[in-house]
């Protein structure tokens, strides 16, 4: 990962979804953790470095951009200062880099109550 690179993850949220996550990983660290939480009706972002989570950042969007049983497309753009995230074409949030070695980010992980249909880099 480096500035001007992006990843698009498309899929469907399971009908009984509670949570899922999209992680951009660097070894055992998670540079960017995007975590829609249906039980809290919000989207949470964070970073895991050396086994410790940082402070959670919540989406400022008034509405949950994901819906149970519905398809979605998440676009994560890496910029110099952070990640820009859009969901279904609508800007969701900006997340400042906490893990500075961007080129070490080399793994995408998607798990939880979701079915992935497409990934594009």
PDB file of N, CA and C in Angstrom:
ATOM      1  N   UNK A   1       0.844  -1.168   0.000  1.00  0.00           N
ATOM      2  CA  UNK A   1       0.000   0.000   0.000  1.00  0.00           C
ATOM      3  C   UNK A   1       0.891   1.233   0.000  1.00  0.00           C
ATOM      4  N   UNK A   2       0.483   2.231  -0.704  1.00  0.00           N
ATOM      5  CA  UNK A   2       1.203   3.499  -0.720  1.00  0.00           C
ATOM      6  C   UNK A   2       0.237   4.570  -1.235  1.00  0.00           C
ATOM      7  N   UNK A   3       0.572   5.844  -1.040  1.00  0.00           N
ATOM      8  CA  UNK A   3      -0.326   6.896  -1.521  1.00  0.00           C
ATOM      9  C   UNK A   3      -0.667   6.710  -2.997  1.00  0.00           C
ATOM     10  N   UNK A   4      -1.915   6.976  -3.334  1.00  0.00           N
ATOM     11  CA  UNK A   4      -2.505   6.847  -4.667  1.00  0.00           C
ATOM     12  C   UNK A   4      -2.953   5.426  -4.995  1.00  0.00           C
ATOM     13  N   UNK A   5      -2.726   4.466  -4.108  1.00  0.00           N
ATOM     14  CA  UNK A   5      -3.234   3.099  -4.299  1.00  0.00           C
ATOM     15  C   UNK A   5      -4.590   2.987  -3.606  1.00  0.00           C
ATOM     16  N   UNK A   6      -5.434   2.135  -4.134  1.00  0.00           N
ATOM     17  CA  UNK A   6      -6.742   1.934  -3.507  1.00  0.00           C
ATOM     18  C   UNK A   6      -7.162   0.479  -3.603  1.00  0.00           C
ATOM     19  N   UNK A   7      -8.118   0.127  -2.780  1.00  0.00           N
ATOM     20  CA  UNK A   7      -8.703  -1.209  -2.764  1.00  0.00           C
ATOM     21  C   UNK A   7     -10.214  -1.045  -2.728  1.00  0.00           C
ATOM     22  N   UNK A   8     -10.903  -1.833  -3.524  1.00  0.00           N
ATOM     23  CA  UNK A   8     -12.365  -1.864  -3.492  1.00  0.00           C
ATOM     24  C   UNK A   8     -12.793  -3.257  -3.069  1.00  0.00           C
ATOM     25  N   UNK A   9     -13.645  -3.314  -2.064  1.00  0.00           N
ATOM     26  CA  UNK A   9     -14.198  -4.580  -1.581  1.00  0.00           C
ATOM     27  C   UNK A   9     -15.711  -4.507  -1.770  1.00  0.00           C
ATOM     28  N   UNK A  10     -16.251  -5.456  -2.520  1.00  0.00           N
ATOM     29  CA  UNK A  10     -17.696  -5.532  -2.732  1.00  0.00           C
ATOM     30  C   UNK A  10     -18.217  -6.823  -2.131  1.00  0.00           C
ATOM     31  N   UNK A  11     -19.438  -6.761  -1.628  1.00  0.00           N
ATOM     32  CA  UNK A  11     -20.028  -7.953  -1.030  1.00  0.00           C
ATOM     33  C   UNK A  11     -21.448  -7.719  -0.609  1.00  0.00           C
ATOM     34  N   UNK A  12     -21.938  -8.663   0.183  1.00  0.00           N
ATOM     35  CA  UNK A  12     -23.296  -8.597   0.712  1.00  0.00           C
ATOM     36  C   UNK A  12     -23.242  -8.837   2.210  1.00  0.00           C
ATOM     37  N   UNK A  13     -23.913  -7.972   2.943  1.00  0.00           N
ATOM     38  CA  UNK A  13     -24.025  -8.143   4.389  1.00  0.00           C
ATOM     39  C   UNK A  13     -25.033  -9.253   4.637  1.00  0.00           C
ATOM     40  N   UNK A  14     -24.695 -10.204   5.519  1.00  0.00           N
ATOM     41  CA  UNK A  14     -25.619 -11.295   5.818  1.00  0.00           C
ATOM     42  C   UNK A  14     -26.879 -10.753   6.496  1.00  0.00           C
ATOM     43  N   UNK A  15     -28.025 -11.403   6.267  1.00  0.00           N
ATOM     44  CA  UNK A  15     -29.295 -10.899   6.808  1.00  0.00           C
ATOM     45  C   UNK A  15     -29.329 -10.765   8.338  1.00  0.00           C
ATOM     46  N   UNK A  16     -28.599 -11.611   9.044  1.00  0.00           N
ATOM     47  CA  UNK A  16     -28.611 -11.557  10.509  1.00  0.00           C
ATOM     48  C   UNK A  16     -27.323 -10.934  11.067  1.00  0.00           C
ATOM     49  N   UNK A  17     -26.660 -10.116  10.259  1.00  0.00           N
ATOM     50  CA  UNK A  17     -25.344  -9.576  10.621  1.00  0.00           C
ATOM     51  C   UNK A  17     -25.348  -8.798  11.929  1.00  0.00           C
ATOM     52  N   UNK A  18     -24.290  -9.013  12.712  1.00  0.00           N
ATOM     53  CA  UNK A  18     -24.003  -8.202  13.886  1.00  0.00           C
ATOM     54  C   UNK A  18     -22.800  -7.299  13.603  1.00  0.00           C
ATOM     55  N   UNK A  19     -21.732  -7.903  13.051  1.00  0.00           N
ATOM     56  CA  UNK A  19     -20.501  -7.169  12.750  1.00  0.00           C
ATOM     57  C   UNK A  19     -19.723  -7.864  11.640  1.00  0.00           C
ATOM     58  N   UNK A  20     -18.910  -7.084  10.944  1.00  0.00           N
ATOM     59  CA  UNK A  20     -17.880  -7.637  10.081  1.00  0.00           C
ATOM     60  C   UNK A  20     -16.727  -6.645  10.060  1.00  0.00           C
ATOM     61  N   UNK A  21     -15.603  -7.057   9.483  1.00  0.00           N
ATOM     62  CA  UNK A  21     -14.490  -6.126   9.408  1.00  0.00           C
ATOM     63  C   UNK A  21     -13.695  -6.297   8.128  1.00  0.00           C
ATOM     64  N   UNK A  22     -13.084  -5.196   7.740  1.00  0.00           N
ATOM     65  CA  UNK A  22     -12.133  -5.165   6.639  1.00  0.00           C
ATOM     66  C   UNK A  22     -10.833  -4.643   7.245  1.00  0.00           C
ATOM     67  N   UNK A  23      -9.781  -5.446   7.174  1.00  0.00           N
ATOM     68  CA  UNK A  23      -8.487  -5.071   7.746  1.00  0.00           C
ATOM     69  C   UNK A  23      -7.432  -4.957   6.659  1.00  0.00           C
ATOM     70  N   UNK A  24      -6.623  -3.916   6.759  1.00  0.00           N
ATOM     71  CA  UNK A  24      -5.404  -3.810   5.968  1.00  0.00           C
ATOM     72  C   UNK A  24      -4.270  -4.112   6.924  1.00  0.00           C
ATOM     73  N   UNK A  25      -3.559  -5.212   6.669  1.00  0.00           N
ATOM     74  CA  UNK A  25      -2.586  -5.734   7.634  1.00  0.00           C
ATOM     75  C   UNK A  25      -1.142  -5.551   7.164  1.00  0.00           C
ATOM     76  N   UNK A  26      -0.287  -5.449   8.166  1.00  0.00           N
ATOM     77  CA  UNK A  26       1.160  -5.445   7.978  1.00  0.00           C
ATOM     78  C   UNK A  26       1.696  -6.462   8.982  1.00  0.00           C
ATOM     79  N   UNK A  27       1.897  -7.703   8.534  1.00  0.00           N
ATOM     80  CA  UNK A  27       2.278  -8.763   9.466  1.00  0.00           C
ATOM     81  C   UNK A  27       1.170  -8.986  10.476  1.00  0.00           C
ATOM     82  N   UNK A  28       1.505  -8.970  11.767  1.00  0.00           N
ATOM     83  CA  UNK A  28       0.487  -9.154  12.806  1.00  0.00           C
ATOM     84  C   UNK A  28      -0.194  -7.831  13.184  1.00  0.00           C
ATOM     85  N   UNK A  29       0.312  -6.712  12.654  1.00  0.00           N
ATOM     86  CA  UNK A  29      -0.320  -5.411  12.909  1.00  0.00           C
ATOM     87  C   UNK A  29      -1.471  -5.178  11.939  1.00  0.00           C
ATOM     88  N   UNK A  30      -2.430  -4.384  12.372  1.00  0.00           N
ATOM     89  CA  UNK A  30      -3.534  -3.978  11.508  1.00  0.00           C
ATOM     90  C   UNK A  30      -3.435  -2.467  11.346  1.00  0.00           C
ATOM     91  N   UNK A  31      -3.042  -2.041  10.149  1.00  0.00           N
ATOM     92  CA  UNK A  31      -2.876  -0.617   9.876  1.00  0.00           C
ATOM     93  C   UNK A  31      -4.224   0.093   9.839  1.00  0.00           C
ATOM     94  N   UNK A  32      -5.241  -0.601   9.309  1.00  0.00           N
ATOM     95  CA  UNK A  32      -6.577  -0.007   9.208  1.00  0.00           C
ATOM     96  C   UNK A  32      -7.630  -1.088   9.413  1.00  0.00           C
ATOM     97  N   UNK A  33      -8.480  -0.876  10.392  1.00  0.00           N
ATOM     98  CA  UNK A  33      -9.559  -1.804  10.761  1.00  0.00           C
ATOM     99  C   UNK A  33     -10.874  -1.059  10.583  1.00  0.00           C
ATOM    100  N   UNK A  34     -11.660  -1.476   9.597  1.00  0.00           N
ATOM    101  CA  UNK A  34     -12.987  -0.898   9.345  1.00  0.00           C
ATOM    102  C   UNK A  34     -14.008  -1.902   9.859  1.00  0.00           C
ATOM    103  N   UNK A  35     -14.826  -1.492  10.836  1.00  0.00           N
ATOM    104  CA  UNK A  35     -15.678  -2.429  11.557  1.00  0.00           C
ATOM    105  C   UNK A  35     -17.120  -1.928  11.675  1.00  0.00           C
ATOM    106  N   UNK A  36     -17.965  -2.230  10.661  1.00  0.00           N
ATOM    107  CA  UNK A  36     -19.384  -1.910  10.801  1.00  0.00           C
ATOM    108  C   UNK A  36     -19.997  -2.762  11.915  1.00  0.00           C
ATOM    109  N   UNK A  37     -20.688  -2.101  12.831  1.00  0.00           N
ATOM    110  CA  UNK A  37     -21.301  -2.776  13.980  1.00  0.00           C
ATOM    111  C   UNK A  37     -22.807  -2.517  13.959  1.00  0.00           C
ATOM    112  N   UNK A  38     -23.550  -3.534  13.545  1.00  0.00           N
ATOM    113  CA  UNK A  38     -25.000  -3.385  13.450  1.00  0.00           C
ATOM    114  C   UNK A  38     -25.646  -3.340  14.824  1.00  0.00           C
ATOM    115  N   UNK A  39     -25.000  -3.988  15.809  1.00  0.00           N
ATOM    116  CA  UNK A  39     -25.545  -3.966  17.167  1.00  0.00           C
ATOM    117  C   UNK A  39     -25.394  -2.589  17.810  1.00  0.00           C
ATOM    118  N   UNK A  40     -24.511  -1.736  17.259  1.00  0.00           N
ATOM    119  CA  UNK A  40     -24.345  -0.369  17.757  1.00  0.00           C
ATOM    120  C   UNK A  40     -24.749   0.671  16.718  1.00  0.00           C
ATOM    121  N   UNK A  41     -25.137   0.201  15.520  1.00  0.00           N
ATOM    122  CA  UNK A  41     -25.568   1.067  14.424  1.00  0.00           C
ATOM    123  C   UNK A  41     -24.517   2.121  14.073  1.00  0.00           C
ATOM    124  N   UNK A  42     -23.251   1.679  13.994  1.00  0.00           N
ATOM    125  CA  UNK A  42     -22.160   2.601  13.684  1.00  0.00           C
ATOM    126  C   UNK A  42     -21.026   1.872  12.983  1.00  0.00           C
ATOM    127  N   UNK A  43     -20.078   2.642  12.463  1.00  0.00           N
ATOM    128  CA  UNK A  43     -18.868   2.101  11.863  1.00  0.00           C
ATOM    129  C   UNK A  43     -17.694   2.592  12.692  1.00  0.00           C
ATOM    130  N   UNK A  44     -16.838   1.660  13.124  1.00  0.00           N
ATOM    131  CA  UNK A  44     -15.696   1.972  13.973  1.00  0.00           C
ATOM    132  C   UNK A  44     -14.415   1.654  13.208  1.00  0.00           C
ATOM    133  N   UNK A  45     -13.423   2.516  13.354  1.00  0.00           N
ATOM    134  CA  UNK A  45     -12.104   2.283  12.760  1.00  0.00           C
ATOM    135  C   UNK A  45     -11.059   2.282  13.864  1.00  0.00           C
ATOM    136  N   UNK A  46      -9.958   1.558  13.617  1.00  0.00           N
ATOM    137  CA  UNK A  46      -8.902   1.499  14.612  1.00  0.00           C
ATOM    138  C   UNK A  46      -7.632   0.954  13.969  1.00  0.00           C
ATOM    139  N   UNK A  47      -6.566   0.897  14.766  1.00  0.00           N
ATOM    140  CA  UNK A  47      -5.274   0.344  14.359  1.00  0.00           C
ATOM    141  C   UNK A  47      -4.749  -0.522  15.502  1.00  0.00           C
ATOM    142  N   UNK A  48      -4.180  -1.667  15.141  1.00  0.00           N
ATOM    143  CA  UNK A  48      -3.571  -2.574  16.117  1.00  0.00           C
ATOM    144  C   UNK A  48      -2.069  -2.614  15.849  1.00  0.00           C
ATOM    145  N   UNK A  49      -1.274  -2.150  16.821  1.00  0.00           N
ATOM    146  CA  UNK A  49       0.183  -2.164  16.690  1.00  0.00           C
ATOM    147  C   UNK A  49       0.775  -2.873  17.899  1.00  0.00           C
ATOM    148  N   UNK A  50       1.612  -3.873  17.618  1.00  0.00           N
ATOM    149  CA  UNK A  50       2.260  -4.670  18.675  1.00  0.00           C
ATOM    150  C   UNK A  50       1.254  -5.228  19.687  1.00  0.00           C
ATOM    151  N   UNK A  51       0.110  -5.691  19.183  1.00  0.00           N
ATOM    152  CA  UNK A  51      -0.897  -6.315  20.034  1.00  0.00           C
ATOM    153  C   UNK A  51      -1.787  -5.361  20.805  1.00  0.00           C
ATOM    154  N   UNK A  52      -1.631  -4.061  20.588  1.00  0.00           N
ATOM    155  CA  UNK A  52      -2.447  -3.073  21.315  1.00  0.00           C
ATOM    156  C   UNK A  52      -3.285  -2.241  20.354  1.00  0.00           C
ATOM    157  N   UNK A  53      -4.587  -2.172  20.648  1.00  0.00           N
ATOM    158  CA  UNK A  53      -5.494  -1.326  19.871  1.00  0.00           C
ATOM    159  C   UNK A  53      -5.329   0.124  20.302  1.00  0.00           C
ATOM    160  N   UNK A  54      -5.464   1.023  19.356  1.00  0.00           N
ATOM    161  CA  UNK A  54      -5.461   2.450  19.649  1.00  0.00           C
ATOM    162  C   UNK A  54      -6.870   2.894  20.007  1.00  0.00           C
ATOM    163  N   UNK A  55      -7.087   4.209  20.118  1.00  0.00           N
ATOM    164  CA  UNK A  55      -8.428   4.713  20.393  1.00  0.00           C
ATOM    165  C   UNK A  55      -9.347   4.493  19.180  1.00  0.00           C
ATOM    166  N   UNK A  56     -10.585   4.100  19.443  1.00  0.00           N
ATOM    167  CA  UNK A  56     -11.537   3.884  18.352  1.00  0.00           C
ATOM    168  C   UNK A  56     -11.962   5.221  17.755  1.00  0.00           C
ATOM    169  N   UNK A  57     -12.101   5.215  16.433  1.00  0.00           N
ATOM    170  CA  UNK A  57     -12.629   6.379  15.721  1.00  0.00           C
ATOM    171  C   UNK A  57     -13.972   5.974  15.139  1.00  0.00           C
ATOM    172  N   UNK A  58     -14.996   6.743  15.439  1.00  0.00           N
ATOM    173  CA  UNK A  58     -16.345   6.440  14.968  1.00  0.00           C
ATOM    174  C   UNK A  58     -16.680   7.289  13.748  1.00  0.00           C
ATOM    175  N   UNK A  59     -17.435   6.705  12.832  1.00  0.00           N
ATOM    176  CA  UNK A  59     -17.911   7.444  11.677  1.00  0.00           C
ATOM    177  C   UNK A  59     -18.813   8.576  12.151  1.00  0.00           C
ATOM    178  N   UNK A  60     -18.669   9.733  11.543  1.00  0.00           N
ATOM    179  CA  UNK A  60     -19.518  10.867  11.921  1.00  0.00           C
ATOM    180  C   UNK A  60     -20.827  10.879  11.135  1.00  0.00           C
ATOM    181  N   UNK A  61     -20.970   9.917  10.228  1.00  0.00           N
ATOM    182  CA  UNK A  61     -22.192   9.819   9.429  1.00  0.00           C
ATOM    183  C   UNK A  61     -23.402   9.585  10.341  1.00  0.00           C
ATOM    184  N   UNK A  62     -24.480  10.276  10.042  1.00  0.00           N
ATOM    185  CA  UNK A  62     -25.694  10.149  10.856  1.00  0.00           C
ATOM    186  C   UNK A  62     -26.425   8.830  10.606  1.00  0.00           C
ATOM    187  N   UNK A  63     -26.197   8.243   9.431  1.00  0.00           N
ATOM    188  CA  UNK A  63     -26.871   6.998   9.091  1.00  0.00           C
ATOM    189  C   UNK A  63     -25.849   5.891   8.843  1.00  0.00           C
ATOM    190  N   UNK A  64     -26.210   4.689   9.194  1.00  0.00           N
ATOM    191  CA  UNK A  64     -25.374   3.519   8.954  1.00  0.00           C
ATOM    192  C   UNK A  64     -25.340   3.260   7.445  1.00  0.00           C
ATOM    193  N   UNK A  65     -24.152   3.254   6.815  1.00  0.00           N
ATOM    194  CA  UNK A  65     -24.092   3.100   5.358  1.00  0.00           C
ATOM    195  C   UNK A  65     -24.266   1.657   4.877  1.00  0.00           C
ATOM    196  N   UNK A  66     -24.256   0.696   5.799  1.00  0.00           N
ATOM    197  CA  UNK A  66     -24.445  -0.710   5.457  1.00  0.00           C
ATOM    198  C   UNK A  66     -25.812  -1.162   5.945  1.00  0.00           C
ATOM    199  N   UNK A  67     -26.430  -2.089   5.209  1.00  0.00           N
ATOM    200  CA  UNK A  67     -27.732  -2.629   5.604  1.00  0.00           C
ATOM    201  C   UNK A  67     -27.691  -4.144   5.560  1.00  0.00           C
ATOM    202  N   UNK A  68     -28.295  -4.758   6.553  1.00  0.00           N
ATOM    203  CA  UNK A  68     -28.377  -6.222   6.584  1.00  0.00           C
ATOM    204  C   UNK A  68     -29.059  -6.729   5.313  1.00  0.00           C
ATOM    205  N   UNK A  69     -28.475  -7.776   4.735  1.00  0.00           N
ATOM    206  CA  UNK A  69     -29.051  -8.396   3.546  1.00  0.00           C
ATOM    207  C   UNK A  69     -28.816  -7.628   2.258  1.00  0.00           C
ATOM    208  N   UNK A  70     -28.072  -6.525   2.308  1.00  0.00           N
ATOM    209  CA  UNK A  70     -27.865  -5.682   1.128  1.00  0.00           C
ATOM    210  C   UNK A  70     -26.414  -5.721   0.655  1.00  0.00           C
ATOM    211  N   UNK A  71     -26.237  -5.454  -0.617  1.00  0.00           N
ATOM    212  CA  UNK A  71     -24.907  -5.381  -1.205  1.00  0.00           C
ATOM    213  C   UNK A  71     -24.240  -4.058  -0.865  1.00  0.00           C
ATOM    214  N   UNK A  72     -22.915  -4.026  -1.000  1.00  0.00           N
ATOM    215  CA  UNK A  72     -22.160  -2.808  -0.725  1.00  0.00           C
ATOM    216  C   UNK A  72     -20.873  -2.817  -1.538  1.00  0.00           C
ATOM    217  N   UNK A  73     -20.298  -1.640  -1.674  1.00  0.00           N
ATOM    218  CA  UNK A  73     -18.979  -1.477  -2.262  1.00  0.00           C
ATOM    219  C   UNK A  73     -18.216  -0.475  -1.401  1.00  0.00           C
ATOM    220  N   UNK A  74     -17.087  -0.914  -0.842  1.00  0.00           N
ATOM    221  CA  UNK A  74     -16.232  -0.061  -0.012  1.00  0.00           C
ATOM    222  C   UNK A  74     -14.973   0.252  -0.803  1.00  0.00           C
ATOM    223  N   UNK A  75     -14.676   1.536  -0.961  1.00  0.00           N
ATOM    224  CA  UNK A  75     -13.464   1.974  -1.640  1.00  0.00           C
ATOM    225  C   UNK A  75     -12.564   2.619  -0.603  1.00  0.00           C
ATOM    226  N   UNK A  76     -11.361   2.079  -0.445  1.00  0.00           N
ATOM    227  CA  UNK A  76     -10.384   2.602   0.509  1.00  0.00           C
ATOM    228  C   UNK A  76      -9.215   3.148  -0.300  1.00  0.00           C
ATOM    229  N   UNK A  77      -9.048   4.467  -0.232  1.00  0.00           N
ATOM    230  CA  UNK A  77      -7.978   5.152  -0.958  1.00  0.00           C
ATOM    231  C   UNK A  77      -6.884   5.540   0.027  1.00  0.00           C
ATOM    232  N   UNK A  78      -5.660   5.149  -0.264  1.00  0.00           N
ATOM    233  CA  UNK A  78      -4.523   5.527   0.573  1.00  0.00           C
ATOM    234  C   UNK A  78      -3.999   6.873   0.089  1.00  0.00           C
ATOM    235  N   UNK A  79      -3.986   7.839   0.990  1.00  0.00           N
ATOM    236  CA  UNK A  79      -3.428   9.146   0.689  1.00  0.00           C
ATOM    237  C   UNK A  79      -2.204   9.365   1.574  1.00  0.00           C
ATOM    238  N   UNK A  80      -1.505  10.446   1.385  1.00  0.00           N
ATOM    239  CA  UNK A  80      -0.277  10.713   2.134  1.00  0.00           C
ATOM    240  C   UNK A  80      -0.540  10.748   3.634  1.00  0.00           C
ATOM    241  N   UNK A  81      -1.638  11.365   4.055  1.00  0.00           N
ATOM    242  CA  UNK A  81      -1.907  11.541   5.484  1.00  0.00           C
ATOM    243  C   UNK A  81      -2.814  10.481   6.091  1.00  0.00           C
ATOM    244  N   UNK A  82      -3.536   9.736   5.250  1.00  0.00           N
ATOM    245  CA  UNK A  82      -4.449   8.746   5.806  1.00  0.00           C
ATOM    246  C   UNK A  82      -5.242   8.030   4.732  1.00  0.00           C
ATOM    247  N   UNK A  83      -6.241   7.283   5.183  1.00  0.00           N
ATOM    248  CA  UNK A  83      -7.138   6.557   4.289  1.00  0.00           C
ATOM    249  C   UNK A  83      -8.433   7.331   4.127  1.00  0.00           C
ATOM    250  N   UNK A  84      -8.916   7.390   2.900  1.00  0.00           N
ATOM    251  CA  UNK A  84     -10.222   7.976   2.602  1.00  0.00           C
ATOM    252  C   UNK A  84     -11.139   6.806   2.267  1.00  0.00           C
ATOM    253  N   UNK A  85     -12.313   6.766   2.884  1.00  0.00           N
ATOM    254  CA  UNK A  85     -13.221   5.633   2.709  1.00  0.00           C
ATOM    255  C   UNK A  85     -14.564   6.108   2.178  1.00  0.00           C
ATOM    256  N   UNK A  86     -15.024   5.453   1.109  1.00  0.00           N
ATOM    257  CA  UNK A  86     -16.368   5.693   0.612  1.00  0.00           C
ATOM    258  C   UNK A  86     -17.125   4.366   0.620  1.00  0.00           C
ATOM    259  N   UNK A  87     -18.423   4.451   0.854  1.00  0.00           N
ATOM    260  CA  UNK A  87     -19.296   3.283   0.814  1.00  0.00           C
ATOM    261  C   UNK A  87     -20.403   3.586  -0.177  1.00  0.00           C
ATOM    262  N   UNK A  88     -20.533   2.725  -1.175  1.00  0.00           N
ATOM    263  CA  UNK A  88     -21.540   2.895  -2.222  1.00  0.00           C
ATOM    264  C   UNK A  88     -21.483   4.288  -2.839  1.00  0.00           C
ATOM    265  N   UNK A  89     -20.256   4.779  -3.042  1.00  0.00           N
ATOM    266  CA  UNK A  89     -20.056   6.063  -3.704  1.00  0.00           C
ATOM    267  C   UNK A  89     -20.182   7.287  -2.817  1.00  0.00           C
ATOM    268  N   UNK A  90     -20.504   7.102  -1.541  1.00  0.00           N
ATOM    269  CA  UNK A  90     -20.664   8.224  -0.616  1.00  0.00           C
ATOM    270  C   UNK A  90     -19.501   8.249   0.373  1.00  0.00           C
ATOM    271  N   UNK A  91     -18.895   9.427   0.532  1.00  0.00           N
ATOM    272  CA  UNK A  91     -17.781   9.552   1.472  1.00  0.00           C
ATOM    273  C   UNK A  91     -18.246   9.191   2.877  1.00  0.00           C
ATOM    274  N   UNK A  92     -17.479   8.309   3.543  1.00  0.00           N
ATOM    275  CA  UNK A  92     -17.826   7.892   4.898  1.00  0.00           C
ATOM    276  C   UNK A  92     -16.912   8.542   5.926  1.00  0.00           C
ATOM    277  N   UNK A  93     -15.582   8.459   5.696  1.00  0.00           N
ATOM    278  CA  UNK A  93     -14.665   8.994   6.700  1.00  0.00           C
ATOM    279  C   UNK A  93     -13.263   9.128   6.149  1.00  0.00           C
ATOM    280  N   UNK A  94     -12.467   9.887   6.895  1.00  0.00           N
ATOM    281  CA  UNK A  94     -11.027   9.986   6.682  1.00  0.00           C
ATOM    282  C   UNK A  94     -10.374   9.465   7.951  1.00  0.00           C
ATOM    283  N   UNK A  95      -9.345   8.642   7.785  1.00  0.00           N
ATOM    284  CA  UNK A  95      -8.672   8.025   8.927  1.00  0.00           C
ATOM    285  C   UNK A  95      -7.180   8.295   8.821  1.00  0.00           C
ATOM    286  N   UNK A  96      -6.643   9.043   9.758  1.00  0.00           N
ATOM    287  CA  UNK A  96      -5.225   9.406   9.743  1.00  0.00           C
ATOM    288  C   UNK A  96      -4.354   8.173   9.998  1.00  0.00           C
ATOM    289  N   UNK A  97      -3.268   8.063   9.219  1.00  0.00           N
ATOM    290  CA  UNK A  97      -2.348   6.935   9.385  1.00  0.00           C
ATOM    291  C   UNK A  97      -1.782   6.900  10.805  1.00  0.00           C
ATOM    292  N   UNK A  98      -1.809   5.721  11.405  1.00  0.00           N
ATOM    293  CA  UNK A  98      -1.161   5.490  12.696  1.00  0.00           C
ATOM    294  C   UNK A  98       0.039   4.570  12.520  1.00  0.00           C
ATOM    295  N   UNK A  99      -0.008   3.708  11.525  1.00  0.00           N
ATOM    296  CA  UNK A  99       1.123   2.857  11.160  1.00  0.00           C
ATOM    297  C   UNK A  99       1.776   3.551   9.963  1.00  0.00           C
ATOM    298  N   UNK A 100       2.978   4.035  10.145  1.00  0.00           N
ATOM    299  CA  UNK A 100       3.599   4.919   9.160  1.00  0.00           C
ATOM    300  C   UNK A 100       4.224   4.174   7.981  1.00  0.00           C
ATOM    301  N   UNK A 101       4.690   2.949   8.172  1.00  0.00           N
ATOM    302  CA  UNK A 101       5.343   2.185   7.114  1.00  0.00           C
ATOM    303  C   UNK A 101       4.296   1.606   6.159  1.00  0.00           C
ATOM    304  N   UNK A 102       3.812   2.457   5.257  1.00  0.00           N
ATOM    305  CA  UNK A 102       2.705   2.073   4.379  1.00  0.00           C
ATOM    306  C   UNK A 102       3.056   0.927   3.439  1.00  0.00           C
ATOM    307  N   UNK A 103       4.299   0.879   2.953  1.00  0.00           N
ATOM    308  CA  UNK A 103       4.679  -0.195   2.033  1.00  0.00           C
ATOM    309  C   UNK A 103       4.659  -1.563   2.691  1.00  0.00           C
ATOM    310  N   UNK A 104       4.683  -1.610   4.020  1.00  0.00           N
ATOM    311  CA  UNK A 104       4.623  -2.889   4.739  1.00  0.00           C
ATOM    312  C   UNK A 104       3.199  -3.443   4.790  1.00  0.00           C
ATOM    313  N   UNK A 105       2.205  -2.637   4.430  1.00  0.00           N
ATOM    314  CA  UNK A 105       0.804  -3.096   4.407  1.00  0.00           C
ATOM    315  C   UNK A 105       0.636  -3.946   3.150  1.00  0.00           C
ATOM    316  N   UNK A 106       0.483  -5.267   3.360  1.00  0.00           N
ATOM    317  CA  UNK A 106       0.489  -6.167   2.202  1.00  0.00           C
ATOM    318  C   UNK A 106      -0.563  -7.266   2.275  1.00  0.00           C
ATOM    319  N   UNK A 107      -1.556  -7.108   3.144  1.00  0.00           N
ATOM    320  CA  UNK A 107      -2.537  -8.175   3.318  1.00  0.00           C
ATOM    321  C   UNK A 107      -3.913  -7.576   3.568  1.00  0.00           C
ATOM    322  N   UNK A 108      -4.901  -8.079   2.864  1.00  0.00           N
ATOM    323  CA  UNK A 108      -6.292  -7.680   3.053  1.00  0.00           C
ATOM    324  C   UNK A 108      -7.018  -8.826   3.736  1.00  0.00           C
ATOM    325  N   UNK A 109      -7.769  -8.507   4.785  1.00  0.00           N
ATOM    326  CA  UNK A 109      -8.541  -9.517   5.505  1.00  0.00           C
ATOM    327  C   UNK A 109      -9.975  -9.022   5.626  1.00  0.00           C
ATOM    328  N   UNK A 110     -10.915  -9.857   5.232  1.00  0.00           N
ATOM    329  CA  UNK A 110     -12.339  -9.544   5.378  1.00  0.00           C
ATOM    330  C   UNK A 110     -12.979 -10.725   6.087  1.00  0.00           C
ATOM    331  N   UNK A 111     -13.661 -10.455   7.195  1.00  0.00           N
ATOM    332  CA  UNK A 111     -14.263 -11.548   7.967  1.00  0.00           C
ATOM    333  C   UNK A 111     -15.489 -11.042   8.717  1.00  0.00           C
ATOM    334  N   UNK A 112     -16.267 -11.984   9.204  1.00  0.00           N
ATOM    335  CA  UNK A 112     -17.463 -11.646   9.963  1.00  0.00           C
ATOM    336  C   UNK A 112     -18.720 -11.963   9.172  1.00  0.00           C
ATOM    337  N   UNK A 113     -19.773 -11.224   9.450  1.00  0.00           N
ATOM    338  CA  UNK A 113     -21.096 -11.489   8.896  1.00  0.00           C
ATOM    339  C   UNK A 113     -21.265 -10.862   7.505  1.00  0.00           C
ATOM    340  N   UNK A 114     -20.450 -11.338   6.572  1.00  0.00           N
ATOM    341  CA  UNK A 114     -20.412 -10.761   5.241  1.00  0.00           C
ATOM    342  C   UNK A 114     -20.004 -11.820   4.226  1.00  0.00           C
ATOM    343  N   UNK A 115     -20.474 -11.664   3.003  1.00  0.00           N
ATOM    344  CA  UNK A 115     -20.052 -12.518   1.900  1.00  0.00           C
ATOM    345  C   UNK A 115     -19.388 -11.606   0.875  1.00  0.00           C
ATOM    346  N   UNK A 116     -18.103 -11.827   0.643  1.00  0.00           N
ATOM    347  CA  UNK A 116     -17.353 -11.009  -0.320  1.00  0.00           C
ATOM    348  C   UNK A 116     -17.625 -11.530  -1.732  1.00  0.00           C
ATOM    349  N   UNK A 117     -17.914 -10.607  -2.652  1.00  0.00           N
ATOM    350  CA  UNK A 117     -18.165 -10.996  -4.036  1.00  0.00           C
ATOM    351  C   UNK A 117     -17.068 -10.544  -4.974  1.00  0.00           C
ATOM    352  N   UNK A 118     -16.320  -9.490  -4.576  1.00  0.00           N
ATOM    353  CA  UNK A 118     -15.288  -8.973  -5.487  1.00  0.00           C
ATOM    354  C   UNK A 118     -14.289  -8.119  -4.707  1.00  0.00           C
ATOM    355  N   UNK A 119     -13.022  -8.246  -5.081  1.00  0.00           N
ATOM    356  CA  UNK A 119     -11.968  -7.389  -4.547  1.00  0.00           C
ATOM    357  C   UNK A 119     -11.161  -6.884  -5.722  1.00  0.00           C
ATOM    358  N   UNK A 120     -10.918  -5.578  -5.735  1.00  0.00           N
ATOM    359  CA  UNK A 120     -10.134  -4.976  -6.814  1.00  0.00           C
ATOM    360  C   UNK A 120      -9.062  -4.081  -6.224  1.00  0.00           C
ATOM    361  N   UNK A 121      -7.831  -4.242  -6.718  1.00  0.00           N
ATOM    362  CA  UNK A 121      -6.730  -3.380  -6.253  1.00  0.00           C
ATOM    363  C   UNK A 121      -6.250  -2.510  -7.377  1.00  0.00           C
TER     364      UNK A 121
END
